[in-house]
Amino acid sequence: MLSAFLSAFRTPDLRKKLLFTVGIIAVYRLGATLPSPGVSYGNVQKCLDTLQGSGTGVLNLLDLFSGGALLQLSVFALGIMPYITASIILQLLTVVIPRLEQLRKEGQAGQAKITQYTRYLTLGLGILQSSAFVALARSGQLFQNRCDQFPIVPKGTGIPDWLTLTILVMTMTAGTGVVMWLGELITDRGVGNGMSVLIFTSIAARLPSEGWKIKTTKGWGMFFLVIALVLLVITAVTFIEQAQRRIPVQYAKRMIGRRMYGGTSTYIPLKVNQAGVIPVIFASSLLYLPQLALQFFDQNNPGKTQAWIQNHIVKASAPEHIAIYFLLIIFFTYFYVSITFNPTEVADNMKKYGGFVPGIRPGKPTAEYLDFILSRITLPGALYLGIIAILPNFFFIWLDNQQFQNFPFGGTAVLIMVGVGLETVKQIESQLMQRNYEGFLR
């Protein structure tokens, strides 16, 4: 991987792309640290120092994806999450709404239209999410009412409250639009998928502080042990992410005019982790709903049902929480794979162009064969996602649940970082091959 980056820096064109990507990342991180107008940055720091990373419940995952910008209500507080949510919603609606499915089949023009719809939906979700977070900060629930002595959005500043809140919402929504634009700039003029690179940057920005927190609270021995376990997990994730089942496809020879086409052999790569990180995000979001519901009840006098939900469903180290989380990931893995990969459509396309799987008849038998193979490899993929995702829960038990709620060395963070890293390196290597390819005459 390092050799690929070194070779890329020796190539002028790729060097410009890499430097451009680094510049956009610097702008993104600058926006993630700029406080929004009306927010008391000093009170935010005092509150974070008082809590000492004791967790923020439902906002843990979102704060991790924003690189810690969410709890500071910075300009880029929402990060890339509204865009991710909008993309997932559009992808799910494509299966339900025939118009969107038709646009998806129209190629580049239809995809451009869907991308435009995603941008509009992103801004709408940005308004909703920024309004919710500002309201939580105003009421003190952003930190679960444990920082009431340090008001994040101070009152009585001489400016009407409605104007302060409106400016905050507009600033954070505009920040979402700018983040979306920065991601598209990286995709067009930089290296890799821009949105994925920004998520990678946000997660990587949390690693030094969380690692140093382990050292200061547990000592050097525990620090090096955690680093060794992290490297072991990253190695396993890299191995599984690269694993795939290759189904051979043979194309028959066809005469078109005086020229013969076809007669080639290729394969359909079915990854073991066909669903990516989406099932983990779905399961995390669904599992956070009980904690959201608890916010509407009296926190000082919890009832028996409320206390049981808090201790067995919401608590990350509870066995019930871990079991439900694991089962939800398996369910959403099968669900997402079933709506994103259509064996019947793949079999029909193969039949249309004269392709067939050796030993399998074209058409319906091929679709049944693909469905059988997909169901066989989805199970280990789902188990792999579930095991990786629940690793932080065991870290909570091992390291201290109250001090490492935002532990970024496992689960979703590792899956995203390894996936983005592999994708970026592959793109760099493919561009290097295009520029350094040696033909038969050289």
Protein backbone atom coordinates (compact mmCIF):
# COMPACT_ATOMS: atom_id res chain seq x y z
CA MET A 1 0.00 0.00 0.00
CA LEU A 2 2.82 2.42 0.87
CA SER A 3 4.57 1.63 -2.41
CA ALA A 4 1.38 2.54 -4.29
CA PHE A 5 1.25 5.95 -2.57
CA LEU A 6 4.94 6.56 -3.22
CA SER A 7 4.51 5.69 -6.89
CA ALA A 8 1.47 7.94 -7.07
CA PHE A 9 3.43 10.91 -5.72
CA ARG A 10 6.05 10.35 -8.42
CA THR A 11 3.34 10.71 -11.08
CA PRO A 12 2.50 14.44 -11.60
CA ASP A 13 -1.18 13.90 -12.41
CA LEU A 14 -1.82 11.61 -9.45
CA ARG A 15 0.23 13.85 -7.18
CA LYS A 16 -2.09 16.76 -7.99
CA LYS A 17 -5.11 14.61 -7.19
CA LEU A 18 -3.67 13.44 -3.88
CA LEU A 19 -2.68 16.97 -2.83
CA PHE A 20 -6.12 18.24 -3.84
CA THR A 21 -7.75 15.52 -1.70
CA VAL A 22 -5.53 16.42 1.26
CA GLY A 23 -6.48 20.10 0.86
CA ILE A 24 -10.21 19.31 0.86
CA ILE A 25 -9.74 17.13 3.96
CA ALA A 26 -8.01 20.05 5.70
CA VAL A 27 -10.94 22.35 4.84
CA TYR A 28 -13.37 19.73 6.15
CA ARG A 29 -11.55 19.36 9.45
CA LEU A 30 -11.36 23.16 9.81
CA GLY A 31 -15.14 23.41 9.40
CA ALA A 32 -15.59 20.62 11.95
CA THR A 33 -13.82 22.73 14.59
CA LEU A 34 -15.42 26.12 13.81
CA PRO A 35 -18.21 26.87 16.34
CA SER A 36 -21.57 27.93 14.96
CA PRO A 37 -22.83 31.45 15.77
CA GLY A 38 -24.67 31.55 19.10
CA VAL A 39 -22.83 28.53 20.56
CA SER A 40 -20.64 29.04 23.63
CA TYR A 41 -17.50 27.16 22.64
CA GLY A 42 -16.00 27.66 26.12
CA ASN A 43 -19.02 26.02 27.78
CA VAL A 44 -18.84 23.15 25.28
CA GLN A 45 -15.23 22.44 26.25
CA LYS A 46 -16.03 22.69 29.96
CA CYS A 47 -18.92 20.27 29.53
CA LEU A 48 -16.81 17.77 27.58
CA ASP A 49 -14.05 17.99 30.19
CA THR A 50 -16.61 17.41 32.96
CA LEU A 51 -18.09 14.37 31.26
CA GLN A 52 -14.63 13.00 30.36
CA GLY A 53 -16.01 10.93 27.49
CA SER A 54 -18.71 9.20 29.55
CA GLY A 55 -20.93 8.81 26.51
CA THR A 56 -23.91 10.54 25.02
CA GLY A 57 -26.26 7.65 24.41
CA VAL A 58 -28.13 7.90 21.15
CA LEU A 59 -25.66 10.38 19.65
CA ASN A 60 -22.55 8.16 19.96
CA LEU A 61 -22.58 6.87 16.39
CA LEU A 62 -23.42 10.23 14.84
CA ASP A 63 -20.71 11.97 16.85
CA LEU A 64 -18.20 9.34 15.73
CA PHE A 65 -19.09 9.89 12.06
CA SER A 66 -18.76 13.66 12.47
CA GLY A 67 -15.32 13.41 14.08
CA GLY A 68 -16.55 14.87 17.36
CA ALA A 69 -18.08 17.93 15.66
CA LEU A 70 -21.68 17.09 16.58
CA LEU A 71 -21.35 17.61 20.34
CA GLN A 72 -19.60 20.93 19.70
CA LEU A 73 -22.40 22.13 17.38
CA SER A 74 -19.76 23.27 14.88
CA VAL A 75 -20.44 24.45 11.33
CA PHE A 76 -20.01 20.88 10.02
CA ALA A 77 -21.73 19.30 13.05
CA LEU A 78 -24.01 17.07 10.96
CA GLY A 79 -21.09 15.82 8.88
CA ILE A 80 -21.96 13.46 6.06
CA MET A 81 -24.73 11.56 7.88
CA PRO A 82 -27.68 13.40 6.19
CA TYR A 83 -26.24 12.45 2.79
CA ILE A 84 -25.76 8.83 3.85
CA THR A 85 -29.32 8.67 5.17
CA ALA A 86 -30.70 10.24 1.99
CA SER A 87 -28.72 7.79 -0.18
CA ILE A 88 -30.01 4.79 1.79
CA ILE A 89 -33.61 6.07 1.60
CA LEU A 90 -33.37 6.58 -2.19
CA GLN A 91 -31.81 3.15 -2.62
CA LEU A 92 -34.63 1.51 -0.67
CA LEU A 93 -37.30 3.53 -2.48
CA THR A 94 -35.86 2.39 -5.82
CA VAL A 95 -37.23 -1.08 -5.07
CA VAL A 96 -40.69 0.30 -4.18
CA ILE A 97 -41.24 3.20 -6.62
CA PRO A 98 -41.27 2.14 -10.30
CA ARG A 99 -40.23 5.62 -11.49
CA LEU A 100 -36.98 5.45 -9.51
CA GLU A 101 -36.30 1.92 -10.71
CA GLN A 102 -36.76 3.11 -14.28
CA LEU A 103 -34.31 5.96 -13.71
CA ARG A 104 -31.77 3.52 -12.31
CA LYS A 105 -31.98 1.45 -15.51
CA GLU A 106 -31.51 4.49 -17.77
CA GLY A 107 -27.79 4.61 -17.12
CA GLN A 108 -25.82 7.78 -16.51
CA ALA A 109 -28.70 10.19 -17.21
CA GLY A 110 -31.02 8.41 -14.79
CA GLN A 111 -28.30 8.18 -12.14
CA ALA A 112 -27.73 11.93 -12.42
CA LYS A 113 -31.42 12.48 -11.75
CA ILE A 114 -31.34 10.21 -8.69
CA THR A 115 -28.24 12.07 -7.46
CA GLN A 116 -30.16 15.34 -7.75
CA TYR A 117 -33.03 13.89 -5.71
CA THR A 118 -30.47 12.74 -3.11
CA ARG A 119 -29.11 16.29 -2.79
CA TYR A 120 -32.57 17.77 -2.22
CA LEU A 121 -33.40 15.09 0.36
CA THR A 122 -30.04 15.69 2.06
CA LEU A 123 -30.83 19.37 2.59
CA GLY A 124 -34.30 18.50 3.91
CA LEU A 125 -32.85 15.99 6.36
CA GLY A 126 -30.20 18.56 7.30
CA ILE A 127 -32.92 21.02 8.34
CA LEU A 128 -34.73 18.38 10.40
CA GLN A 129 -31.60 17.02 12.09
CA SER A 130 -30.10 20.43 12.83
CA SER A 131 -33.40 21.59 14.34
CA ALA A 132 -33.50 18.48 16.53
CA PHE A 133 -29.90 18.85 17.74
CA VAL A 134 -30.30 22.57 18.45
CA ALA A 135 -33.46 21.83 20.43
CA LEU A 136 -31.61 19.10 22.39
CA ALA A 137 -28.74 21.50 23.11
CA ARG A 138 -31.18 24.21 24.17
CA SER A 139 -32.98 21.93 26.61
CA GLY A 140 -29.77 20.34 27.93
CA GLN A 141 -30.60 16.81 26.70
CA LEU A 142 -27.70 16.80 24.25
CA PHE A 143 -25.58 15.81 27.26
CA GLN A 144 -28.45 14.10 29.10
CA ASN A 145 -28.97 17.12 31.42
CA ARG A 146 -25.54 16.67 33.00
CA CYS A 147 -24.17 20.04 31.84
CA ASP A 148 -26.94 22.41 32.89
CA GLN A 149 -24.36 24.62 34.63
CA PHE A 150 -22.65 25.11 31.23
CA PRO A 151 -25.41 26.17 28.78
CA ILE A 152 -24.33 25.32 25.22
CA VAL A 153 -26.69 27.87 23.67
CA PRO A 154 -26.83 30.64 26.28
CA LYS A 155 -30.05 32.58 26.80
CA GLY A 156 -30.48 36.28 27.53
CA THR A 157 -27.70 37.47 25.21
CA GLY A 158 -29.78 40.40 23.90
CA ILE A 159 -30.54 38.62 20.62
CA PRO A 160 -34.06 37.17 20.22
CA ASP A 161 -34.07 33.43 20.85
CA TRP A 162 -35.90 32.65 17.63
CA LEU A 163 -33.26 34.51 15.62
CA THR A 164 -30.40 32.66 17.36
CA LEU A 165 -32.02 29.28 16.75
CA THR A 166 -32.82 30.14 13.12
CA ILE A 167 -29.23 31.19 12.42
CA LEU A 168 -27.95 28.01 14.07
CA VAL A 169 -30.21 25.78 11.97
CA MET A 170 -29.34 27.65 8.77
CA THR A 171 -25.60 27.47 9.53
CA MET A 172 -25.60 23.73 10.22
CA THR A 173 -27.78 23.02 7.17
CA ALA A 174 -25.50 25.11 4.98
CA GLY A 175 -22.56 23.20 6.46
CA THR A 176 -24.21 19.96 5.34
CA GLY A 177 -24.49 21.33 1.81
CA VAL A 178 -20.82 22.37 1.84
CA VAL A 179 -19.74 18.94 3.12
CA MET A 180 -21.74 17.30 0.33
CA TRP A 181 -20.05 19.60 -2.20
CA LEU A 182 -16.59 18.83 -0.78
CA GLY A 183 -17.26 15.12 -1.10
CA GLU A 184 -18.29 15.50 -4.73
CA LEU A 185 -15.15 17.56 -5.41
CA ILE A 186 -12.99 14.72 -4.09
CA THR A 187 -14.89 12.23 -6.27
CA ASP A 188 -14.50 14.35 -9.42
CA ARG A 189 -11.02 15.82 -9.00
CA GLY A 190 -9.40 13.80 -6.23
CA VAL A 191 -8.81 10.14 -5.43
CA GLY A 192 -11.52 7.77 -4.25
CA ASN A 193 -15.16 8.16 -3.30
CA GLY A 194 -15.38 11.60 -1.69
CA MET A 195 -18.12 10.78 0.81
CA SER A 196 -16.29 7.68 2.01
CA VAL A 197 -13.02 9.60 2.34
CA LEU A 198 -14.71 12.23 4.53
CA ILE A 199 -16.19 9.55 6.80
CA PHE A 200 -12.75 7.92 7.01
CA THR A 201 -11.28 11.30 7.99
CA SER A 202 -13.88 11.87 10.70
CA ILE A 203 -13.30 8.48 12.30
CA ALA A 204 -9.51 8.74 12.02
CA ALA A 205 -9.62 12.13 13.76
CA ARG A 206 -10.98 10.44 16.90
CA LEU A 207 -8.33 7.71 17.13
CA PRO A 208 -5.47 9.68 18.76
CA SER A 209 -7.60 11.14 21.58
CA GLU A 210 -9.35 7.84 22.32
CA GLY A 211 -6.06 5.94 22.25
CA TRP A 212 -4.42 8.45 24.59
CA LYS A 213 -7.42 8.19 26.91
CA ILE A 214 -6.77 4.45 27.25
CA LYS A 215 -3.12 5.12 28.05
CA THR A 216 -3.86 7.74 30.72
CA THR A 217 -6.56 5.70 32.44
CA LYS A 218 -5.26 2.13 32.04
CA GLY A 219 -1.52 2.50 31.50
CA TRP A 220 0.95 1.58 28.76
CA GLY A 221 0.38 -2.18 29.13
CA MET A 222 -3.33 -1.96 28.35
CA PHE A 223 -2.61 0.57 25.59
CA PHE A 224 -0.24 -1.76 23.71
CA LEU A 225 -2.57 -4.73 24.28
CA VAL A 226 -5.47 -2.81 22.75
CA ILE A 227 -3.29 -1.76 19.79
CA ALA A 228 -2.32 -5.41 19.20
CA LEU A 229 -5.97 -6.48 19.28
CA VAL A 230 -6.87 -3.65 16.91
CA LEU A 231 -4.23 -4.78 14.41
CA LEU A 232 -5.55 -8.34 14.67
CA VAL A 233 -9.11 -7.17 14.01
CA ILE A 234 -8.02 -5.02 11.06
CA THR A 235 -6.17 -8.00 9.54
CA ALA A 236 -9.24 -10.21 9.87
CA VAL A 237 -11.54 -7.53 8.43
CA THR A 238 -9.19 -6.96 5.48
CA PHE A 239 -9.12 -10.70 4.75
CA ILE A 240 -12.92 -11.05 4.83
CA GLU A 241 -13.55 -7.85 2.87
CA GLN A 242 -11.38 -9.19 0.05
CA ALA A 243 -13.04 -12.63 0.06
CA GLN A 244 -15.42 -13.38 -2.79
CA ARG A 245 -17.05 -16.27 -4.62
CA ARG A 246 -16.33 -16.08 -8.34
CA ILE A 247 -19.05 -17.65 -10.50
CA PRO A 248 -17.66 -18.44 -13.98
CA VAL A 249 -19.60 -17.08 -16.97
CA GLN A 250 -19.04 -18.15 -20.58
CA TYR A 251 -20.24 -16.07 -23.53
CA ALA A 252 -21.10 -17.88 -26.72
CA LYS A 253 -19.71 -16.77 -30.08
CA ARG A 254 -22.03 -14.64 -32.21
CA MET A 255 -21.73 -13.49 -35.82
CA ILE A 256 -22.78 -9.85 -36.35
CA GLY A 257 -22.24 -8.94 -39.99
CA ARG A 258 -18.81 -10.20 -40.92
CA ARG A 259 -17.40 -10.00 -37.42
CA MET A 260 -17.52 -12.57 -34.65
CA TYR A 261 -18.17 -11.48 -31.07
CA GLY A 262 -18.17 -13.35 -27.79
CA GLY A 263 -16.43 -16.56 -26.96
CA THR A 264 -14.91 -14.99 -23.84
CA SER A 265 -14.85 -16.18 -20.24
CA THR A 266 -15.40 -13.98 -17.19
CA TYR A 267 -16.90 -14.31 -13.74
CA ILE A 268 -19.44 -12.73 -11.39
CA PRO A 269 -17.72 -11.71 -8.12
CA LEU A 270 -20.04 -12.27 -5.15
CA LYS A 271 -18.42 -10.83 -2.03
CA VAL A 272 -18.78 -12.58 1.30
CA ASN A 273 -19.72 -9.20 2.79
CA GLN A 274 -22.11 -8.25 0.01
CA ALA A 275 -24.05 -5.79 2.19
CA GLY A 276 -21.10 -3.71 3.40
CA VAL A 277 -21.62 -1.66 6.55
CA ILE A 278 -25.29 -0.78 5.90
CA PRO A 279 -26.77 -3.57 8.14
CA VAL A 280 -24.70 -2.32 11.09
CA ILE A 281 -26.01 1.23 10.60
CA PHE A 282 -29.60 -0.01 10.31
CA ALA A 283 -29.30 -2.17 13.44
CA SER A 284 -27.63 0.62 15.42
CA SER A 285 -30.34 3.11 14.47
CA LEU A 286 -33.15 0.71 15.37
CA LEU A 287 -31.54 -0.25 18.66
CA TYR A 288 -31.26 3.41 19.66
CA LEU A 289 -35.03 3.93 19.43
CA PRO A 290 -35.69 2.66 23.01
CA GLN A 291 -33.25 5.23 24.39
CA LEU A 292 -34.93 7.95 22.37
CA ALA A 293 -38.25 6.91 23.90
CA LEU A 294 -36.77 7.12 27.41
CA GLN A 295 -36.05 10.82 26.88
CA PHE A 296 -39.79 11.53 27.07
CA PHE A 297 -40.09 10.12 30.60
CA ASP A 298 -39.03 11.49 33.95
CA GLN A 299 -35.32 10.73 34.34
CA ASN A 300 -35.32 11.37 38.11
CA ASN A 301 -38.11 8.88 38.98
CA PRO A 302 -37.86 5.99 36.50
CA GLY A 303 -40.49 3.26 36.64
CA LYS A 304 -39.82 -0.50 36.59
CA THR A 305 -40.30 -0.81 32.83
CA GLN A 306 -38.15 2.24 32.18
CA ALA A 307 -35.39 0.95 34.50
CA TRP A 308 -35.46 -2.51 32.87
CA ILE A 309 -35.14 -1.02 29.38
CA GLN A 310 -32.26 1.16 30.57
CA ASN A 311 -30.38 -1.71 32.20
CA HIS A 312 -31.06 -4.50 29.67
CA ILE A 313 -31.74 -2.89 26.27
CA VAL A 314 -29.97 0.47 26.28
CA LYS A 315 -26.88 -0.49 28.30
CA ALA A 316 -24.20 -1.51 25.78
CA SER A 317 -22.64 -4.15 28.05
CA ALA A 318 -25.94 -5.93 28.80
CA PRO A 319 -26.23 -9.47 27.32
CA GLU A 320 -29.74 -8.67 26.00
CA HIS A 321 -28.41 -5.59 24.17
CA ILE A 322 -25.58 -7.58 22.56
CA ALA A 323 -27.89 -10.45 21.52
CA ILE A 324 -30.52 -8.15 20.00
CA TYR A 325 -27.83 -6.14 18.19
CA PHE A 326 -26.30 -9.33 16.75
CA LEU A 327 -29.65 -10.71 15.54
CA LEU A 328 -30.68 -7.38 13.99
CA ILE A 329 -27.45 -7.27 11.99
CA ILE A 330 -28.06 -10.77 10.62
CA PHE A 331 -31.64 -9.85 9.68
CA PHE A 332 -30.69 -6.59 7.95
CA THR A 333 -27.82 -8.31 6.11
CA TYR A 334 -30.23 -10.75 4.46
CA PHE A 335 -32.75 -7.96 3.88
CA TYR A 336 -30.28 -5.57 2.26
CA VAL A 337 -28.67 -8.24 0.06
CA SER A 338 -32.10 -9.34 -1.14
CA ILE A 339 -33.05 -5.84 -2.33
CA THR A 340 -29.68 -4.88 -3.83
CA PHE A 341 -28.86 -8.07 -5.76
CA ASN A 342 -31.57 -9.50 -8.00
CA PRO A 343 -30.56 -12.97 -9.31
CA THR A 344 -33.43 -12.99 -11.84
CA GLU A 345 -32.32 -9.68 -13.37
CA VAL A 346 -28.69 -10.82 -13.54
CA ALA A 347 -29.71 -14.11 -15.17
CA ASP A 348 -31.88 -12.30 -17.75
CA ASN A 349 -29.04 -9.92 -18.65
CA MET A 350 -26.66 -12.84 -19.08
CA LYS A 351 -29.16 -14.64 -21.33
CA LYS A 352 -29.72 -11.48 -23.39
CA TYR A 353 -26.02 -11.22 -24.25
CA GLY A 354 -25.46 -14.95 -24.78
CA GLY A 355 -23.84 -15.66 -21.42
CA PHE A 356 -24.31 -18.77 -19.30
CA VAL A 357 -22.84 -20.47 -16.27
CA PRO A 358 -21.10 -23.71 -17.33
CA GLY A 359 -23.29 -26.65 -16.43
CA ILE A 360 -26.36 -24.47 -15.71
CA ARG A 361 -29.14 -23.76 -18.21
CA PRO A 362 -29.77 -20.05 -18.96
CA GLY A 363 -32.83 -18.26 -17.57
CA LYS A 364 -34.64 -19.50 -14.47
CA PRO A 365 -32.15 -22.28 -13.56
CA THR A 366 -29.33 -19.72 -13.58
CA ALA A 367 -31.35 -17.38 -11.33
CA GLU A 368 -32.02 -20.24 -8.90
CA TYR A 369 -28.33 -21.18 -8.92
CA LEU A 370 -27.27 -17.58 -8.20
CA ASP A 371 -29.86 -17.31 -5.41
CA PHE A 372 -28.58 -20.55 -3.88
CA ILE A 373 -24.94 -19.38 -3.96
CA LEU A 374 -25.90 -15.96 -2.57
CA SER A 375 -27.82 -17.45 0.34
CA ARG A 376 -24.85 -19.70 1.17
CA ILE A 377 -22.28 -16.89 1.33
CA THR A 378 -24.61 -14.37 3.01
CA LEU A 379 -24.69 -16.38 6.25
CA PRO A 380 -20.94 -16.20 6.96
CA GLY A 381 -21.01 -12.56 5.85
CA ALA A 382 -23.81 -11.79 8.31
CA LEU A 383 -22.03 -13.63 11.15
CA TYR A 384 -18.83 -11.76 10.35
CA LEU A 385 -20.61 -8.38 10.47
CA GLY A 386 -22.32 -9.28 13.72
CA ILE A 387 -19.10 -10.41 15.43
CA ILE A 388 -17.15 -7.33 14.33
CA ALA A 389 -20.00 -5.00 15.33
CA ILE A 390 -20.34 -6.34 18.89
CA LEU A 391 -16.60 -6.18 19.60
CA PRO A 392 -16.88 -2.62 21.05
CA ASN A 393 -19.53 -3.89 23.48
CA PHE A 394 -17.01 -6.32 24.94
CA PHE A 395 -14.44 -3.52 25.02
CA PHE A 396 -16.99 -1.55 27.09
CA ILE A 397 -17.05 -4.38 29.63
CA TRP A 398 -13.28 -4.85 29.58
CA LEU A 399 -12.12 -1.23 29.68
CA ASP A 400 -14.95 0.42 31.68
CA ASN A 401 -18.33 1.12 30.15
CA GLN A 402 -18.57 4.69 31.42
CA GLN A 403 -15.30 5.94 29.98
CA PHE A 404 -15.18 4.39 26.52
CA GLN A 405 -18.67 4.77 25.05
CA ASN A 406 -17.17 6.33 21.89
CA PHE A 407 -14.56 3.59 21.46
CA PRO A 408 -13.60 3.83 17.75
CA PHE A 409 -11.37 0.73 17.47
CA GLY A 410 -14.03 -1.79 16.51
CA GLY A 411 -17.38 -2.37 14.87
CA THR A 412 -18.61 0.18 12.36
CA ALA A 413 -15.45 2.30 12.57
CA VAL A 414 -13.09 -0.52 11.59
CA LEU A 415 -15.40 -1.73 8.81
CA ILE A 416 -15.60 1.75 7.28
CA MET A 417 -11.91 2.56 7.63
CA VAL A 418 -10.72 -0.75 6.17
CA GLY A 419 -13.28 -0.63 3.36
CA VAL A 420 -12.44 2.95 2.39
CA GLY A 421 -8.72 2.28 2.64
CA LEU A 422 -8.92 -0.76 0.35
CA GLU A 423 -11.12 1.09 -2.14
CA THR A 424 -8.78 4.10 -2.27
CA VAL A 425 -5.68 1.96 -2.74
CA LYS A 426 -7.39 0.01 -5.55
CA GLN A 427 -8.27 3.24 -7.34
CA ILE A 428 -4.71 4.53 -7.01
CA GLU A 429 -3.29 1.25 -8.31
CA SER A 430 -5.71 1.19 -11.25
CA GLN A 431 -4.71 4.72 -12.25
CA LEU A 432 -1.04 3.80 -11.89
CA MET A 433 -1.55 0.84 -14.21
CA GLN A 434 -3.17 3.10 -16.81
CA ARG A 435 -0.19 5.45 -16.78
CA ASN A 436 2.61 2.87 -16.47
CA TYR A 437 1.22 0.08 -18.64
CA GLU A 438 3.85 -1.48 -20.85
CA GLY A 439 2.61 -2.90 -24.11
CA PHE A 440 4.06 -5.71 -26.22
CA LEU A 441 6.16 -3.30 -28.29
CA ARG A 442 8.04 -1.84 -25.29
